[in-house]
């Protein structure tokens, strides 16, 4: 078990993706964000359980784009994967029914999203 870094303390977690070089993406639905960081103790896709740890200095939190009126559009990010070190793909689950989410969440539900990292 590895503790999630404090810089990735989100309201909830929806997915984690780790590249063979140890680059990590952790997504959250509630906060509509992705944490990008580095996992130490990974070499050629293999974890060394004696040295595995998150690099506390190498990370950044990105919030998914908002509407022009600053409303959350990516309400249901359910999965994430890397295309390469500079690009991620995320998928959105279906919008919650029965008025549990605002109407504008419908725009991005059940979709695949591609993002280039800065």
PDB file of N, CA and C in Angstrom:
ATOM      1  N   UNK A   1       0.843  -1.170   0.000  1.00  0.00           N
ATOM      2  CA  UNK A   1       0.000   0.000   0.000  1.00  0.00           C
ATOM      3  C   UNK A   1       0.894   1.240   0.000  1.00  0.00           C
ATOM      4  N   UNK A   2       0.536   2.216  -0.818  1.00  0.00           N
ATOM      5  CA  UNK A   2       1.268   3.476  -0.908  1.00  0.00           C
ATOM      6  C   UNK A   2       0.276   4.601  -0.635  1.00  0.00           C
ATOM      7  N   UNK A   3       0.604   5.474   0.279  1.00  0.00           N
ATOM      8  CA  UNK A   3      -0.272   6.609   0.568  1.00  0.00           C
ATOM      9  C   UNK A   3      -0.258   7.582  -0.596  1.00  0.00           C
ATOM     10  N   UNK A   4      -1.451   8.104  -0.917  1.00  0.00           N
ATOM     11  CA  UNK A   4      -1.566   9.135  -1.937  1.00  0.00           C
ATOM     12  C   UNK A   4      -0.900  10.402  -1.390  1.00  0.00           C
ATOM     13  N   UNK A   5      -0.137  11.104  -2.208  1.00  0.00           N
ATOM     14  CA  UNK A   5       0.513  12.324  -1.721  1.00  0.00           C
ATOM     15  C   UNK A   5      -0.513  13.366  -1.264  1.00  0.00           C
ATOM     16  N   UNK A   6      -0.126  14.170  -0.279  1.00  0.00           N
ATOM     17  CA  UNK A   6      -1.032  15.209   0.241  1.00  0.00           C
ATOM     18  C   UNK A   6      -1.480  16.167  -0.854  1.00  0.00           C
ATOM     19  N   UNK A   7      -0.642  16.382  -1.852  1.00  0.00           N
ATOM     20  CA  UNK A   7      -0.997  17.291  -2.945  1.00  0.00           C
ATOM     21  C   UNK A   7      -2.081  16.707  -3.840  1.00  0.00           C
ATOM     22  N   UNK A   8      -2.386  15.422  -3.653  1.00  0.00           N
ATOM     23  CA  UNK A   8      -3.452  14.771  -4.431  1.00  0.00           C
ATOM     24  C   UNK A   8      -4.638  14.404  -3.536  1.00  0.00           C
ATOM     25  N   UNK A   9      -4.766  15.060  -2.402  1.00  0.00           N
ATOM     26  CA  UNK A   9      -5.929  14.805  -1.536  1.00  0.00           C
ATOM     27  C   UNK A   9      -7.143  15.452  -2.180  1.00  0.00           C
ATOM     28  N   UNK A  10      -7.935  14.627  -2.820  1.00  0.00           N
ATOM     29  CA  UNK A  10      -9.162  15.077  -3.464  1.00  0.00           C
ATOM     30  C   UNK A  10     -10.353  14.607  -2.642  1.00  0.00           C
ATOM     31  N   UNK A  11     -11.538  15.102  -3.000  1.00  0.00           N
ATOM     32  CA  UNK A  11     -12.770  14.675  -2.344  1.00  0.00           C
ATOM     33  C   UNK A  11     -13.018  13.192  -2.587  1.00  0.00           C
ATOM     34  N   UNK A  12     -12.707  12.744  -3.805  1.00  0.00           N
ATOM     35  CA  UNK A  12     -12.845  11.335  -4.161  1.00  0.00           C
ATOM     36  C   UNK A  12     -11.788  10.996  -5.201  1.00  0.00           C
ATOM     37  N   UNK A  13     -11.689   9.724  -5.537  1.00  0.00           N
ATOM     38  CA  UNK A  13     -10.748   9.273  -6.569  1.00  0.00           C
ATOM     39  C   UNK A  13     -11.506   8.397  -7.548  1.00  0.00           C
ATOM     40  N   UNK A  14     -11.236   8.590  -8.845  1.00  0.00           N
ATOM     41  CA  UNK A  14     -11.936   7.777  -9.836  1.00  0.00           C
ATOM     42  C   UNK A  14     -11.006   6.837 -10.593  1.00  0.00           C
ATOM     43  N   UNK A  15      -9.722   7.172 -10.707  1.00  0.00           N
ATOM     44  CA  UNK A  15      -8.815   6.277 -11.419  1.00  0.00           C
ATOM     45  C   UNK A  15      -7.369   6.691 -11.161  1.00  0.00           C
ATOM     46  N   UNK A  16      -6.480   5.752 -11.473  1.00  0.00           N
ATOM     47  CA  UNK A  16      -5.044   6.008 -11.433  1.00  0.00           C
ATOM     48  C   UNK A  16      -4.419   5.300 -12.634  1.00  0.00           C
ATOM     49  N   UNK A  17      -3.451   5.956 -13.249  1.00  0.00           N
ATOM     50  CA  UNK A  17      -2.725   5.370 -14.373  1.00  0.00           C
ATOM     51  C   UNK A  17      -1.237   5.597 -14.126  1.00  0.00           C
ATOM     52  N   UNK A  18      -0.444   4.546 -14.347  1.00  0.00           N
ATOM     53  CA  UNK A  18       0.999   4.637 -14.138  1.00  0.00           C
ATOM     54  C   UNK A  18       1.713   4.167 -15.403  1.00  0.00           C
ATOM     55  N   UNK A  19       2.578   5.029 -15.937  1.00  0.00           N
ATOM     56  CA  UNK A  19       3.386   4.658 -17.107  1.00  0.00           C
ATOM     57  C   UNK A  19       4.581   3.822 -16.672  1.00  0.00           C
ATOM     58  N   UNK A  20       5.214   3.178 -17.632  1.00  0.00           N
ATOM     59  CA  UNK A  20       6.373   2.326 -17.320  1.00  0.00           C
ATOM     60  C   UNK A  20       7.550   3.120 -16.760  1.00  0.00           C
ATOM     61  N   UNK A  21       7.566   4.441 -16.990  1.00  0.00           N
ATOM     62  CA  UNK A  21       8.637   5.285 -16.442  1.00  0.00           C
ATOM     63  C   UNK A  21       8.258   5.868 -15.080  1.00  0.00           C
ATOM     64  N   UNK A  22       7.089   5.499 -14.551  1.00  0.00           N
ATOM     65  CA  UNK A  22       6.665   5.956 -13.236  1.00  0.00           C
ATOM     66  C   UNK A  22       5.811   7.215 -13.226  1.00  0.00           C
ATOM     67  N   UNK A  23       5.548   7.788 -14.387  1.00  0.00           N
ATOM     68  CA  UNK A  23       4.668   8.964 -14.427  1.00  0.00           C
ATOM     69  C   UNK A  23       3.256   8.522 -14.060  1.00  0.00           C
ATOM     70  N   UNK A  24       2.566   9.309 -13.219  1.00  0.00           N
ATOM     71  CA  UNK A  24       1.279   8.915 -12.649  1.00  0.00           C
ATOM     72  C   UNK A  24       0.222   9.979 -12.911  1.00  0.00           C
ATOM     73  N   UNK A  25      -1.002   9.520 -13.175  1.00  0.00           N
ATOM     74  CA  UNK A  25      -2.177  10.401 -13.236  1.00  0.00           C
ATOM     75  C   UNK A  25      -3.218   9.841 -12.263  1.00  0.00           C
ATOM     76  N   UNK A  26      -3.760  10.707 -11.429  1.00  0.00           N
ATOM     77  CA  UNK A  26      -4.832  10.340 -10.508  1.00  0.00           C
ATOM     78  C   UNK A  26      -5.987  11.300 -10.762  1.00  0.00           C
ATOM     79  N   UNK A  27      -7.180  10.760 -11.032  1.00  0.00           N
ATOM     80  CA  UNK A  27      -8.327  11.620 -11.329  1.00  0.00           C
ATOM     81  C   UNK A  27      -9.348  11.609 -10.193  1.00  0.00           C
ATOM     82  N   UNK A  28     -10.149  12.656 -10.199  1.00  0.00           N
ATOM     83  CA  UNK A  28     -11.243  12.823  -9.253  1.00  0.00           C
ATOM     84  C   UNK A  28     -12.475  13.319 -10.001  1.00  0.00           C
ATOM     85  N   UNK A  29     -13.624  12.737  -9.692  1.00  0.00           N
ATOM     86  CA  UNK A  29     -14.878  13.231 -10.271  1.00  0.00           C
ATOM     87  C   UNK A  29     -15.328  14.503  -9.566  1.00  0.00           C
ATOM     88  N   UNK A  30     -15.411  14.443  -8.262  1.00  0.00           N
ATOM     89  CA  UNK A  30     -15.967  15.543  -7.470  1.00  0.00           C
ATOM     90  C   UNK A  30     -15.231  16.857  -7.712  1.00  0.00           C
ATOM     91  N   UNK A  31     -13.920  16.797  -7.786  1.00  0.00           N
ATOM     92  CA  UNK A  31     -13.126  18.013  -7.949  1.00  0.00           C
ATOM     93  C   UNK A  31     -12.816  18.325  -9.408  1.00  0.00           C
ATOM     94  N   UNK A  32     -13.204  17.422 -10.329  1.00  0.00           N
ATOM     95  CA  UNK A  32     -12.981  17.598 -11.758  1.00  0.00           C
ATOM     96  C   UNK A  32     -11.529  17.984 -12.051  1.00  0.00           C
ATOM     97  N   UNK A  33     -10.621  17.118 -11.576  1.00  0.00           N
ATOM     98  CA  UNK A  33      -9.196  17.436 -11.685  1.00  0.00           C
ATOM     99  C   UNK A  33      -8.382  16.168 -11.917  1.00  0.00           C
ATOM    100  N   UNK A  34      -7.131  16.389 -12.278  1.00  0.00           N
ATOM    101  CA  UNK A  34      -6.172  15.296 -12.434  1.00  0.00           C
ATOM    102  C   UNK A  34      -4.852  15.720 -11.795  1.00  0.00           C
ATOM    103  N   UNK A  35      -4.285  14.826 -11.012  1.00  0.00           N
ATOM    104  CA  UNK A  35      -2.981  15.032 -10.397  1.00  0.00           C
ATOM    105  C   UNK A  35      -1.977  14.289 -11.265  1.00  0.00           C
ATOM    106  N   UNK A  36      -0.930  14.965 -11.695  1.00  0.00           N
ATOM    107  CA  UNK A  36       0.132  14.355 -12.492  1.00  0.00           C
ATOM    108  C   UNK A  36       1.406  14.418 -11.667  1.00  0.00           C
ATOM    109  N   UNK A  37       2.025  13.275 -11.463  1.00  0.00           N
ATOM    110  CA  UNK A  37       3.230  13.237 -10.655  1.00  0.00           C
ATOM    111  C   UNK A  37       4.136  12.091 -11.055  1.00  0.00           C
ATOM    112  N   UNK A  38       5.066  11.788 -10.170  1.00  0.00           N
ATOM    113  CA  UNK A  38       6.085  10.774 -10.452  1.00  0.00           C
ATOM    114  C   UNK A  38       6.141   9.773  -9.307  1.00  0.00           C
ATOM    115  N   UNK A  39       6.154   8.494  -9.680  1.00  0.00           N
ATOM    116  CA  UNK A  39       6.320   7.414  -8.718  1.00  0.00           C
ATOM    117  C   UNK A  39       7.767   6.952  -8.788  1.00  0.00           C
ATOM    118  N   UNK A  40       8.448   6.996  -7.669  1.00  0.00           N
ATOM    119  CA  UNK A  40       9.840   6.538  -7.594  1.00  0.00           C
ATOM    120  C   UNK A  40       9.846   5.032  -7.358  1.00  0.00           C
ATOM    121  N   UNK A  41      10.930   4.390  -7.698  1.00  0.00           N
ATOM    122  CA  UNK A  41      11.025   2.948  -7.501  1.00  0.00           C
ATOM    123  C   UNK A  41      10.412   2.150  -8.639  1.00  0.00           C
ATOM    124  N   UNK A  42      10.282   2.784  -9.813  1.00  0.00           N
ATOM    125  CA  UNK A  42       9.758   2.116 -11.005  1.00  0.00           C
ATOM    126  C   UNK A  42      10.855   2.125 -12.063  1.00  0.00           C
ATOM    127  N   UNK A  43      11.174   0.954 -12.568  1.00  0.00           N
ATOM    128  CA  UNK A  43      12.173   0.860 -13.636  1.00  0.00           C
ATOM    129  C   UNK A  43      11.657  -0.101 -14.684  1.00  0.00           C
ATOM    130  N   UNK A  44      11.539   0.382 -15.917  1.00  0.00           N
ATOM    131  CA  UNK A  44      11.061  -0.433 -17.039  1.00  0.00           C
ATOM    132  C   UNK A  44       9.712  -1.087 -16.726  1.00  0.00           C
ATOM    133  N   UNK A  45       8.857  -0.347 -16.044  1.00  0.00           N
ATOM    134  CA  UNK A  45       7.515  -0.840 -15.754  1.00  0.00           C
ATOM    135  C   UNK A  45       7.417  -1.769 -14.564  1.00  0.00           C
ATOM    136  N   UNK A  46       8.517  -1.984 -13.874  1.00  0.00           N
ATOM    137  CA  UNK A  46       8.509  -2.878 -12.719  1.00  0.00           C
ATOM    138  C   UNK A  46       8.663  -2.061 -11.441  1.00  0.00           C
ATOM    139  N   UNK A  47       7.803  -2.367 -10.454  1.00  0.00           N
ATOM    140  CA  UNK A  47       7.852  -1.697  -9.160  1.00  0.00           C
ATOM    141  C   UNK A  47       8.811  -2.410  -8.219  1.00  0.00           C
ATOM    142  N   UNK A  48       9.639  -1.643  -7.542  1.00  0.00           N
ATOM    143  CA  UNK A  48      10.472  -2.189  -6.478  1.00  0.00           C
ATOM    144  C   UNK A  48       9.753  -1.871  -5.166  1.00  0.00           C
ATOM    145  N   UNK A  49       9.144  -2.865  -4.526  1.00  0.00           N
ATOM    146  CA  UNK A  49       8.340  -2.602  -3.328  1.00  0.00           C
ATOM    147  C   UNK A  49       9.149  -2.014  -2.170  1.00  0.00           C
ATOM    148  N   UNK A  50      10.470  -2.131  -2.206  1.00  0.00           N
ATOM    149  CA  UNK A  50      11.291  -1.596  -1.117  1.00  0.00           C
ATOM    150  C   UNK A  50      11.583  -0.107  -1.288  1.00  0.00           C
ATOM    151  N   UNK A  51      11.434   0.431  -2.502  1.00  0.00           N
ATOM    152  CA  UNK A  51      11.754   1.841  -2.741  1.00  0.00           C
ATOM    153  C   UNK A  51      10.602   2.633  -3.334  1.00  0.00           C
ATOM    154  N   UNK A  52       9.478   1.995  -3.606  1.00  0.00           N
ATOM    155  CA  UNK A  52       8.372   2.703  -4.254  1.00  0.00           C
ATOM    156  C   UNK A  52       7.818   3.791  -3.330  1.00  0.00           C
ATOM    157  N   UNK A  53       7.679   4.984  -3.906  1.00  0.00           N
ATOM    158  CA  UNK A  53       7.145   6.143  -3.176  1.00  0.00           C
ATOM    159  C   UNK A  53       6.842   7.237  -4.185  1.00  0.00           C
ATOM    160  N   UNK A  54       5.929   8.112  -3.838  1.00  0.00           N
ATOM    161  CA  UNK A  54       5.650   9.255  -4.701  1.00  0.00           C
ATOM    162  C   UNK A  54       6.714  10.320  -4.472  1.00  0.00           C
ATOM    163  N   UNK A  55       7.164  10.924  -5.564  1.00  0.00           N
ATOM    164  CA  UNK A  55       8.096  12.051  -5.490  1.00  0.00           C
ATOM    165  C   UNK A  55       7.284  13.269  -5.042  1.00  0.00           C
ATOM    166  N   UNK A  56       7.550  13.752  -3.849  1.00  0.00           N
ATOM    167  CA  UNK A  56       6.780  14.865  -3.279  1.00  0.00           C
ATOM    168  C   UNK A  56       7.043  16.192  -3.993  1.00  0.00           C
ATOM    169  N   UNK A  57       8.135  16.279  -4.746  1.00  0.00           N
ATOM    170  CA  UNK A  57       8.488  17.528  -5.416  1.00  0.00           C
ATOM    171  C   UNK A  57       8.017  17.596  -6.866  1.00  0.00           C
ATOM    172  N   UNK A  58       7.755  16.454  -7.479  1.00  0.00           N
ATOM    173  CA  UNK A  58       7.382  16.401  -8.902  1.00  0.00           C
ATOM    174  C   UNK A  58       5.897  16.114  -9.045  1.00  0.00           C
ATOM    175  N   UNK A  59       5.101  17.167  -9.144  1.00  0.00           N
ATOM    176  CA  UNK A  59       3.658  16.973  -9.334  1.00  0.00           C
ATOM    177  C   UNK A  59       3.007  18.285  -9.774  1.00  0.00           C
ATOM    178  N   UNK A  60       1.824  18.138 -10.302  1.00  0.00           N
ATOM    179  CA  UNK A  60       1.006  19.294 -10.660  1.00  0.00           C
ATOM    180  C   UNK A  60      -0.450  18.845 -10.697  1.00  0.00           C
ATOM    181  N   UNK A  61      -1.344  19.720 -10.273  1.00  0.00           N
ATOM    182  CA  UNK A  61      -2.778  19.450 -10.336  1.00  0.00           C
ATOM    183  C   UNK A  61      -3.352  20.304 -11.458  1.00  0.00           C
ATOM    184  N   UNK A  62      -4.092  19.643 -12.343  1.00  0.00           N
ATOM    185  CA  UNK A  62      -4.768  20.340 -13.438  1.00  0.00           C
ATOM    186  C   UNK A  62      -6.271  20.155 -13.264  1.00  0.00           C
ATOM    187  N   UNK A  63      -7.010  21.231 -13.420  1.00  0.00           N
ATOM    188  CA  UNK A  63      -8.466  21.155 -13.370  1.00  0.00           C
ATOM    189  C   UNK A  63      -8.979  21.061 -14.794  1.00  0.00           C
ATOM    190  N   UNK A  64      -9.955  20.188 -15.007  1.00  0.00           N
ATOM    191  CA  UNK A  64     -10.517  20.042 -16.333  1.00  0.00           C
ATOM    192  C   UNK A  64     -11.197  21.352 -16.730  1.00  0.00           C
ATOM    193  N   UNK A  65     -11.225  21.660 -18.039  1.00  0.00           N
ATOM    194  CA  UNK A  65     -11.784  22.943 -18.489  1.00  0.00           C
ATOM    195  C   UNK A  65     -13.218  23.166 -17.995  1.00  0.00           C
ATOM    196  N   UNK A  66     -13.505  24.422 -17.711  1.00  0.00           N
ATOM    197  CA  UNK A  66     -14.828  24.826 -17.235  1.00  0.00           C
ATOM    198  C   UNK A  66     -15.603  25.486 -18.390  1.00  0.00           C
ATOM    199  N   UNK A  67     -16.872  25.683 -18.174  1.00  0.00           N
ATOM    200  CA  UNK A  67     -17.697  26.396 -19.149  1.00  0.00           C
ATOM    201  C   UNK A  67     -17.325  27.882 -19.117  1.00  0.00           C
ATOM    202  N   UNK A  68     -17.761  28.657 -20.116  1.00  0.00           N
ATOM    203  CA  UNK A  68     -17.476  30.100 -20.098  1.00  0.00           C
ATOM    204  C   UNK A  68     -18.000  30.791 -18.832  1.00  0.00           C
ATOM    205  N   UNK A  69     -19.034  30.206 -18.218  1.00  0.00           N
ATOM    206  CA  UNK A  69     -19.576  30.794 -16.984  1.00  0.00           C
ATOM    207  C   UNK A  69     -19.021  30.096 -15.736  1.00  0.00           C
ATOM    208  N   UNK A  70     -17.888  29.399 -15.895  1.00  0.00           N
ATOM    209  CA  UNK A  70     -17.165  28.733 -14.788  1.00  0.00           C
ATOM    210  C   UNK A  70     -17.946  27.602 -14.126  1.00  0.00           C
ATOM    211  N   UNK A  71     -18.720  26.881 -14.905  1.00  0.00           N
ATOM    212  CA  UNK A  71     -19.421  25.701 -14.392  1.00  0.00           C
ATOM    213  C   UNK A  71     -18.618  24.452 -14.765  1.00  0.00           C
ATOM    214  N   UNK A  72     -18.661  23.446 -13.909  1.00  0.00           N
ATOM    215  CA  UNK A  72     -17.967  22.187 -14.164  1.00  0.00           C
ATOM    216  C   UNK A  72     -18.617  21.488 -15.343  1.00  0.00           C
ATOM    217  N   UNK A  73     -17.831  21.145 -16.348  1.00  0.00           N
ATOM    218  CA  UNK A  73     -18.339  20.416 -17.513  1.00  0.00           C
ATOM    219  C   UNK A  73     -17.990  18.930 -17.445  1.00  0.00           C
ATOM    220  N   UNK A  74     -16.823  18.628 -16.890  1.00  0.00           N
ATOM    221  CA  UNK A  74     -16.355  17.243 -16.808  1.00  0.00           C
ATOM    222  C   UNK A  74     -16.755  16.708 -15.427  1.00  0.00           C
ATOM    223  N   UNK A  75     -18.040  16.429 -15.278  1.00  0.00           N
ATOM    224  CA  UNK A  75     -18.634  16.085 -13.985  1.00  0.00           C
ATOM    225  C   UNK A  75     -18.401  14.635 -13.580  1.00  0.00           C
ATOM    226  N   UNK A  76     -18.123  13.768 -14.520  1.00  0.00           N
ATOM    227  CA  UNK A  76     -18.097  12.335 -14.232  1.00  0.00           C
ATOM    228  C   UNK A  76     -16.865  11.629 -14.790  1.00  0.00           C
ATOM    229  N   UNK A  77     -15.695  12.227 -14.632  1.00  0.00           N
ATOM    230  CA  UNK A  77     -14.468  11.582 -15.099  1.00  0.00           C
ATOM    231  C   UNK A  77     -14.299  10.278 -14.320  1.00  0.00           C
ATOM    232  N   UNK A  78     -14.289   9.182 -15.052  1.00  0.00           N
ATOM    233  CA  UNK A  78     -14.267   7.852 -14.434  1.00  0.00           C
ATOM    234  C   UNK A  78     -12.969   7.103 -14.680  1.00  0.00           C
ATOM    235  N   UNK A  79     -12.235   7.472 -15.726  1.00  0.00           N
ATOM    236  CA  UNK A  79     -11.012   6.746 -16.043  1.00  0.00           C
ATOM    237  C   UNK A  79     -10.000   7.650 -16.713  1.00  0.00           C
ATOM    238  N   UNK A  80      -8.728   7.258 -16.604  1.00  0.00           N
ATOM    239  CA  UNK A  80      -7.645   8.026 -17.221  1.00  0.00           C
ATOM    240  C   UNK A  80      -6.553   7.061 -17.665  1.00  0.00           C
ATOM    241  N   UNK A  81      -5.899   7.414 -18.759  1.00  0.00           N
ATOM    242  CA  UNK A  81      -4.729   6.670 -19.222  1.00  0.00           C
ATOM    243  C   UNK A  81      -3.817   7.638 -19.959  1.00  0.00           C
ATOM    244  N   UNK A  82      -2.564   7.283 -20.044  1.00  0.00           N
ATOM    245  CA  UNK A  82      -1.605   8.100 -20.783  1.00  0.00           C
ATOM    246  C   UNK A  82      -1.539   7.618 -22.227  1.00  0.00           C
ATOM    247  N   UNK A  83      -1.470   8.558 -23.144  1.00  0.00           N
ATOM    248  CA  UNK A  83      -1.144   8.267 -24.540  1.00  0.00           C
ATOM    249  C   UNK A  83       0.376   8.314 -24.676  1.00  0.00           C
ATOM    250  N   UNK A  84       0.979   9.321 -24.059  1.00  0.00           N
ATOM    251  CA  UNK A  84       2.430   9.456 -23.921  1.00  0.00           C
ATOM    252  C   UNK A  84       2.667  10.339 -22.697  1.00  0.00           C
ATOM    253  N   UNK A  85       3.885  10.768 -22.454  1.00  0.00           N
ATOM    254  CA  UNK A  85       4.154  11.570 -21.261  1.00  0.00           C
ATOM    255  C   UNK A  85       3.469  12.934 -21.277  1.00  0.00           C
ATOM    256  N   UNK A  86       3.046  13.379 -22.443  1.00  0.00           N
ATOM    257  CA  UNK A  86       2.467  14.719 -22.569  1.00  0.00           C
ATOM    258  C   UNK A  86       0.992  14.729 -22.931  1.00  0.00           C
ATOM    259  N   UNK A  87       0.352  13.568 -22.974  1.00  0.00           N
ATOM    260  CA  UNK A  87      -1.050  13.521 -23.374  1.00  0.00           C
ATOM    261  C   UNK A  87      -1.789  12.447 -22.582  1.00  0.00           C
ATOM    262  N   UNK A  88      -2.984  12.810 -22.092  1.00  0.00           N
ATOM    263  CA  UNK A  88      -3.823  11.838 -21.393  1.00  0.00           C
ATOM    264  C   UNK A  88      -5.166  11.719 -22.097  1.00  0.00           C
ATOM    265  N   UNK A  89      -5.784  10.570 -21.920  1.00  0.00           N
ATOM    266  CA  UNK A  89      -7.151  10.343 -22.359  1.00  0.00           C
ATOM    267  C   UNK A  89      -7.961  10.088 -21.094  1.00  0.00           C
ATOM    268  N   UNK A  90      -9.131  10.693 -21.027  1.00  0.00           N
ATOM    269  CA  UNK A  90     -10.026  10.478 -19.897  1.00  0.00           C
ATOM    270  C   UNK A  90     -11.385  10.066 -20.448  1.00  0.00           C
ATOM    271  N   UNK A  91     -12.121   9.319 -19.660  1.00  0.00           N
ATOM    272  CA  UNK A  91     -13.472   8.911 -20.060  1.00  0.00           C
ATOM    273  C   UNK A  91     -14.458   9.363 -18.996  1.00  0.00           C
ATOM    274  N   UNK A  92     -15.648   9.722 -19.468  1.00  0.00           N
ATOM    275  CA  UNK A  92     -16.711  10.175 -18.574  1.00  0.00           C
ATOM    276  C   UNK A  92     -17.817   9.137 -18.503  1.00  0.00           C
ATOM    277  N   UNK A  93     -18.302   8.932 -17.300  1.00  0.00           N
ATOM    278  CA  UNK A  93     -19.438   8.056 -17.047  1.00  0.00           C
ATOM    279  C   UNK A  93     -20.731   8.806 -17.384  1.00  0.00           C
ATOM    280  N   UNK A  94     -21.825   8.084 -17.324  1.00  0.00           N
ATOM    281  CA  UNK A  94     -23.133   8.681 -17.575  1.00  0.00           C
ATOM    282  C   UNK A  94     -23.501   9.646 -16.452  1.00  0.00           C
ATOM    283  N   UNK A  95     -24.149  10.728 -16.844  1.00  0.00           N
ATOM    284  CA  UNK A  95     -24.633  11.713 -15.877  1.00  0.00           C
ATOM    285  C   UNK A  95     -25.608  11.045 -14.912  1.00  0.00           C
ATOM    286  N   UNK A  96     -25.536  11.420 -13.650  1.00  0.00           N
ATOM    287  CA  UNK A  96     -26.452  10.862 -12.656  1.00  0.00           C
ATOM    288  C   UNK A  96     -27.873  11.330 -12.936  1.00  0.00           C
ATOM    289  N   UNK A  97     -28.816  10.407 -12.848  1.00  0.00           N
ATOM    290  CA  UNK A  97     -30.213  10.705 -13.186  1.00  0.00           C
ATOM    291  C   UNK A  97     -30.972  11.280 -11.990  1.00  0.00           C
ATOM    292  N   UNK A  98     -32.199  11.685 -12.260  1.00  0.00           N
ATOM    293  CA  UNK A  98     -33.094  12.137 -11.208  1.00  0.00           C
ATOM    294  C   UNK A  98     -32.739  13.489 -10.619  1.00  0.00           C
ATOM    295  N   UNK A  99     -32.111  14.343 -11.414  1.00  0.00           N
ATOM    296  CA  UNK A  99     -31.788  15.683 -10.934  1.00  0.00           C
ATOM    297  C   UNK A  99     -30.641  15.737  -9.947  1.00  0.00           C
ATOM    298  N   UNK A 100     -29.849  14.660  -9.873  1.00  0.00           N
ATOM    299  CA  UNK A 100     -28.732  14.636  -8.927  1.00  0.00           C
ATOM    300  C   UNK A 100     -27.540  15.461  -9.413  1.00  0.00           C
ATOM    301  N   UNK A 101     -27.538  15.797 -10.707  1.00  0.00           N
ATOM    302  CA  UNK A 101     -26.487  16.645 -11.267  1.00  0.00           C
ATOM    303  C   UNK A 101     -27.127  17.718 -12.130  1.00  0.00           C
ATOM    304  N   UNK A 102     -26.470  18.866 -12.269  1.00  0.00           N
ATOM    305  CA  UNK A 102     -27.017  19.933 -13.108  1.00  0.00           C
ATOM    306  C   UNK A 102     -27.033  19.539 -14.588  1.00  0.00           C
ATOM    307  N   UNK A 103     -27.914  20.141 -15.342  1.00  0.00           N
ATOM    308  CA  UNK A 103     -28.113  19.830 -16.761  1.00  0.00           C
ATOM    309  C   UNK A 103     -26.837  19.943 -17.585  1.00  0.00           C
ATOM    310  N   UNK A 104     -25.940  20.875 -17.232  1.00  0.00           N
ATOM    311  CA  UNK A 104     -24.740  21.098 -18.045  1.00  0.00           C
ATOM    312  C   UNK A 104     -23.744  19.942 -17.954  1.00  0.00           C
ATOM    313  N   UNK A 105     -23.944  19.008 -17.028  1.00  0.00           N
ATOM    314  CA  UNK A 105     -23.082  17.822 -16.962  1.00  0.00           C
ATOM    315  C   UNK A 105     -23.352  16.869 -18.125  1.00  0.00           C
ATOM    316  N   UNK A 106     -24.523  17.003 -18.745  1.00  0.00           N
ATOM    317  CA  UNK A 106     -24.903  16.132 -19.861  1.00  0.00           C
ATOM    318  C   UNK A 106     -23.979  16.304 -21.068  1.00  0.00           C
ATOM    319  N   UNK A 107     -23.434  17.498 -21.251  1.00  0.00           N
ATOM    320  CA  UNK A 107     -22.620  17.790 -22.438  1.00  0.00           C
ATOM    321  C   UNK A 107     -21.413  16.856 -22.575  1.00  0.00           C
ATOM    322  N   UNK A 108     -20.810  16.431 -21.476  1.00  0.00           N
ATOM    323  CA  UNK A 108     -19.592  15.619 -21.537  1.00  0.00           C
ATOM    324  C   UNK A 108     -19.788  14.193 -21.042  1.00  0.00           C
ATOM    325  N   UNK A 109     -21.037  13.776 -20.794  1.00  0.00           N
ATOM    326  CA  UNK A 109     -21.195  12.424 -20.250  1.00  0.00           C
ATOM    327  C   UNK A 109     -20.973  11.359 -21.317  1.00  0.00           C
ATOM    328  N   UNK A 110     -20.556  10.178 -20.879  1.00  0.00           N
ATOM    329  CA  UNK A 110     -20.312   9.026 -21.747  1.00  0.00           C
ATOM    330  C   UNK A 110     -19.441   9.390 -22.954  1.00  0.00           C
ATOM    331  N   UNK A 111     -18.331  10.069 -22.673  1.00  0.00           N
ATOM    332  CA  UNK A 111     -17.455  10.576 -23.728  1.00  0.00           C
ATOM    333  C   UNK A 111     -16.004  10.200 -23.452  1.00  0.00           C
ATOM    334  N   UNK A 112     -15.202  10.294 -24.510  1.00  0.00           N
ATOM    335  CA  UNK A 112     -13.752  10.135 -24.400  1.00  0.00           C
ATOM    336  C   UNK A 112     -13.150  11.513 -24.650  1.00  0.00           C
ATOM    337  N   UNK A 113     -12.183  11.902 -23.823  1.00  0.00           N
ATOM    338  CA  UNK A 113     -11.598  13.221 -23.884  1.00  0.00           C
ATOM    339  C   UNK A 113     -10.078  13.107 -23.994  1.00  0.00           C
ATOM    340  N   UNK A 114      -9.490  13.888 -24.867  1.00  0.00           N
ATOM    341  CA  UNK A 114      -8.033  13.912 -25.019  1.00  0.00           C
ATOM    342  C   UNK A 114      -7.513  15.265 -24.553  1.00  0.00           C
ATOM    343  N   UNK A 115      -6.442  15.254 -23.755  1.00  0.00           N
ATOM    344  CA  UNK A 115      -5.854  16.472 -23.237  1.00  0.00           C
ATOM    345  C   UNK A 115      -4.343  16.426 -23.407  1.00  0.00           C
ATOM    346  N   UNK A 116      -3.788  17.536 -23.890  1.00  0.00           N
ATOM    347  CA  UNK A 116      -2.341  17.695 -23.965  1.00  0.00           C
ATOM    348  C   UNK A 116      -1.922  18.400 -22.688  1.00  0.00           C
ATOM    349  N   UNK A 117      -0.925  17.858 -22.005  1.00  0.00           N
ATOM    350  CA  UNK A 117      -0.432  18.455 -20.780  1.00  0.00           C
ATOM    351  C   UNK A 117       0.555  19.566 -21.105  1.00  0.00           C
ATOM    352  N   UNK A 118       0.523  20.649 -20.332  1.00  0.00           N
ATOM    353  CA  UNK A 118       1.473  21.751 -20.603  1.00  0.00           C
ATOM    354  C   UNK A 118       2.901  21.344 -20.290  1.00  0.00           C
TER     355      UNK A 118
END
